[in-house]
C-alpha atoms as a PDB file:
ATOM      1  CA  MET A   1     -22.415  -1.679  12.589  1.00  0.00           C
ATOM      2  CA  PHE A   2     -24.494   0.631  15.190  1.00  0.00           C
ATOM      3  CA  ILE A   3     -27.385  -1.358  14.148  1.00  0.00           C
ATOM      4  CA  TYR A   4     -26.410  -4.364  15.777  1.00  0.00           C
ATOM      5  CA  LYS A   5     -24.761  -3.202  18.700  1.00  0.00           C
ATOM      6  CA  ASP A   6     -27.679  -3.610  21.000  1.00  0.00           C
ATOM      7  CA  TRP A   7     -28.159  -6.971  19.644  1.00  0.00           C
ATOM      8  CA  LEU A   8     -24.746  -7.870  20.230  1.00  0.00           C
ATOM      9  CA  ILE A   9     -24.855  -6.661  23.728  1.00  0.00           C
ATOM     10  CA  ARG A  10     -27.982  -8.354  24.598  1.00  0.00           C
ATOM     11  CA  GLU A  11     -26.179 -11.868  23.260  1.00  0.00           C
ATOM     12  CA  GLU A  12     -23.103 -10.899  24.907  1.00  0.00           C
ATOM     13  CA  MET A  13     -21.019 -11.626  22.181  1.00  0.00           C
ATOM     14  CA  ASP A  14     -17.987  -9.474  20.683  1.00  0.00           C
ATOM     15  CA  LEU A  15     -17.977  -8.333  16.903  1.00  0.00           C
ATOM     16  CA  ASN A  16     -15.451 -10.686  16.174  1.00  0.00           C
ATOM     17  CA  THR A  17     -17.602 -13.785  17.536  1.00  0.00           C
ATOM     18  CA  TYR A  18     -20.311 -12.497  15.447  1.00  0.00           C
ATOM     19  CA  PHE A  19     -18.688 -12.431  12.254  1.00  0.00           C
ATOM     20  CA  THR A  20     -17.381 -15.666  12.658  1.00  0.00           C
ATOM     21  CA  LYS A  21     -20.764 -17.122  13.165  1.00  0.00           C
ATOM     22  CA  VAL A  22     -22.164 -15.174  10.091  1.00  0.00           C
ATOM     23  CA  MET A  23     -19.058 -16.591   7.955  1.00  0.00           C
ATOM     24  CA  ASN A  24     -19.827 -20.009   9.294  1.00  0.00           C
ATOM     25  CA  ARG A  25     -23.441 -20.241   8.604  1.00  0.00           C
ATOM     26  CA  GLN A  26     -24.463 -23.461   6.351  1.00  0.00           C
ATOM     27  CA  ASP A  27     -27.918 -22.388   5.195  1.00  0.00           C
ATOM     28  CA  GLY A  28     -27.050 -20.157   2.313  1.00  0.00           C
ATOM     29  CA  ILE A  29     -28.676 -16.978   3.674  1.00  0.00           C
ATOM     30  CA  SER A  30     -25.369 -15.454   4.582  1.00  0.00           C
ATOM     31  CA  ALA A  31     -23.871 -13.060   1.749  1.00  0.00           C
ATOM     32  CA  ALA A  32     -21.469 -11.393   4.030  1.00  0.00           C
ATOM     33  CA  ILE A  33     -18.256 -11.271   1.622  1.00  0.00           C
ATOM     34  CA  GLY A  34     -17.526 -12.069  -1.781  1.00  0.00           C
ATOM     35  CA  ASP A  35     -20.888 -14.115  -2.386  1.00  0.00           C
ATOM     36  CA  ILE A  36     -22.538 -12.355  -5.359  1.00  0.00           C
ATOM     37  CA  ASP A  37     -24.017 -14.328  -8.470  1.00  0.00           C
ATOM     38  CA  LEU A  38     -23.524 -13.583 -11.809  1.00  0.00           C
ATOM     39  CA  LYS A  39     -26.889 -11.729 -12.403  1.00  0.00           C
ATOM     40  CA  ASN A  40     -26.163  -9.467  -9.532  1.00  0.00           C
ATOM     41  CA  TYR A  41     -22.455  -8.979 -10.646  1.00  0.00           C
ATOM     42  CA  LEU A  42     -23.648  -7.854 -14.435  1.00  0.00           C
ATOM     43  CA  ALA A  43     -26.090  -5.508 -12.795  1.00  0.00           C
ATOM     44  CA  ILE A  44     -23.528  -3.873 -10.816  1.00  0.00           C
ATOM     45  CA  ILE A  45     -21.280  -3.667 -13.305  1.00  0.00           C
ATOM     46  CA  PHE A  46     -23.883  -2.288 -15.972  1.00  0.00           C
ATOM     47  CA  GLN A  47     -24.722   0.503 -13.450  1.00  0.00           C
ATOM     48  CA  LEU A  48     -20.976   1.356 -12.562  1.00  0.00           C
ATOM     49  CA  GLY A  49     -20.869   1.615 -16.520  1.00  0.00           C
ATOM     50  CA  ILE A  50     -23.716   4.140 -16.942  1.00  0.00           C
ATOM     51  CA  VAL A  51     -22.210   6.074 -14.052  1.00  0.00           C
ATOM     52  CA  ALA A  52     -18.862   6.123 -16.347  1.00  0.00           C
ATOM     53  CA  LEU A  53     -20.445   7.191 -19.219  1.00  0.00           C
ATOM     54  CA  LEU A  54     -22.678   9.871 -17.536  1.00  0.00           C
ATOM     55  CA  LEU A  55     -19.625  11.425 -15.869  1.00  0.00           C
ATOM     56  CA  ARG A  56     -17.882  11.432 -19.215  1.00  0.00           C
ATOM     57  CA  GLN A  57     -20.883  12.809 -21.579  1.00  0.00           C
ATOM     58  CA  LEU A  58     -22.237  15.153 -18.968  1.00  0.00           C
ATOM     59  CA  HIS A  59     -18.642  16.608 -18.212  1.00  0.00           C
ATOM     60  CA  ILE A  60     -19.580  16.556 -14.740  1.00  0.00           C
ATOM     61  CA  GLU A  61     -16.469  16.167 -13.064  1.00  0.00           C
ATOM     62  CA  SER A  62     -12.631  17.028 -14.209  1.00  0.00           C
ATOM     63  CA  ALA A  63     -10.887  14.464 -16.559  1.00  0.00           C
ATOM     64  CA  ALA A  64      -9.030  13.240 -13.768  1.00  0.00           C
ATOM     65  CA  PHE A  65     -11.650  12.567 -11.504  1.00  0.00           C
ATOM     66  CA  LEU A  66     -13.428  10.352 -14.733  1.00  0.00           C
ATOM     67  CA  ARG A  67      -9.998   8.449 -14.793  1.00  0.00           C
ATOM     68  CA  LEU A  68     -10.208   7.522 -11.058  1.00  0.00           C
ATOM     69  CA  ALA A  69     -13.556   6.536 -11.248  1.00  0.00           C
ATOM     70  CA  ILE A  70     -12.997   4.404 -14.081  1.00  0.00           C
ATOM     71  CA  LEU A  71      -9.888   3.024 -12.286  1.00  0.00           C
ATOM     72  CA  VAL A  72     -11.941   2.212  -9.151  1.00  0.00           C
ATOM     73  CA  PHE A  73     -14.700   0.406 -11.051  1.00  0.00           C
ATOM     74  CA  GLY A  74     -12.118  -1.606 -13.028  1.00  0.00           C
ATOM     75  CA  GLY A  75     -10.645  -2.326  -9.354  1.00  0.00           C
ATOM     76  CA  PHE A  76     -14.010  -3.402  -8.142  1.00  0.00           C
ATOM     77  CA  ALA A  77     -14.796  -6.115 -11.389  1.00  0.00           C
ATOM     78  CA  HIS A  78     -11.514  -7.123 -11.235  1.00  0.00           C
ATOM     79  CA  THR A  79     -11.637  -8.006  -7.422  1.00  0.00           C
ATOM     80  CA  ALA A  80     -15.264  -9.213  -7.398  1.00  0.00           C
ATOM     81  CA  ILE A  81     -14.134 -11.653 -10.074  1.00  0.00           C
ATOM     82  CA  ALA A  82     -11.356 -12.665  -8.204  1.00  0.00           C
ATOM     83  CA  PHE A  83     -13.351 -13.328  -4.991  1.00  0.00           C
ATOM     84  CA  ALA A  84     -15.827 -15.299  -6.858  1.00  0.00           C
ATOM     85  CA  LEU A  85     -13.338 -17.624  -8.519  1.00  0.00           C
ATOM     86  CA  ASN A  86     -11.080 -18.175  -5.351  1.00  0.00           C
ATOM     87  CA  PRO A  87     -13.535 -18.634  -2.069  1.00  0.00           C
END
């Protein structure tokens, strides 16, 4: 957010106007919210699975943290699919 601060001041627009312009782009470049293809989705799920496996196998954190991490990873997977199916 701080990266675009000077640009926003130069362009004389507020953050809400900027995000409205980004979300209304038609050129396919914008991937602001919920715009993920299957290949990238599976890559992220694979990486999160590896992290969960390492947490479990190496006992890096407590069992409670492992359960919470798996719950968060599952929540991400479910939410990403929900956004992809309901644009």
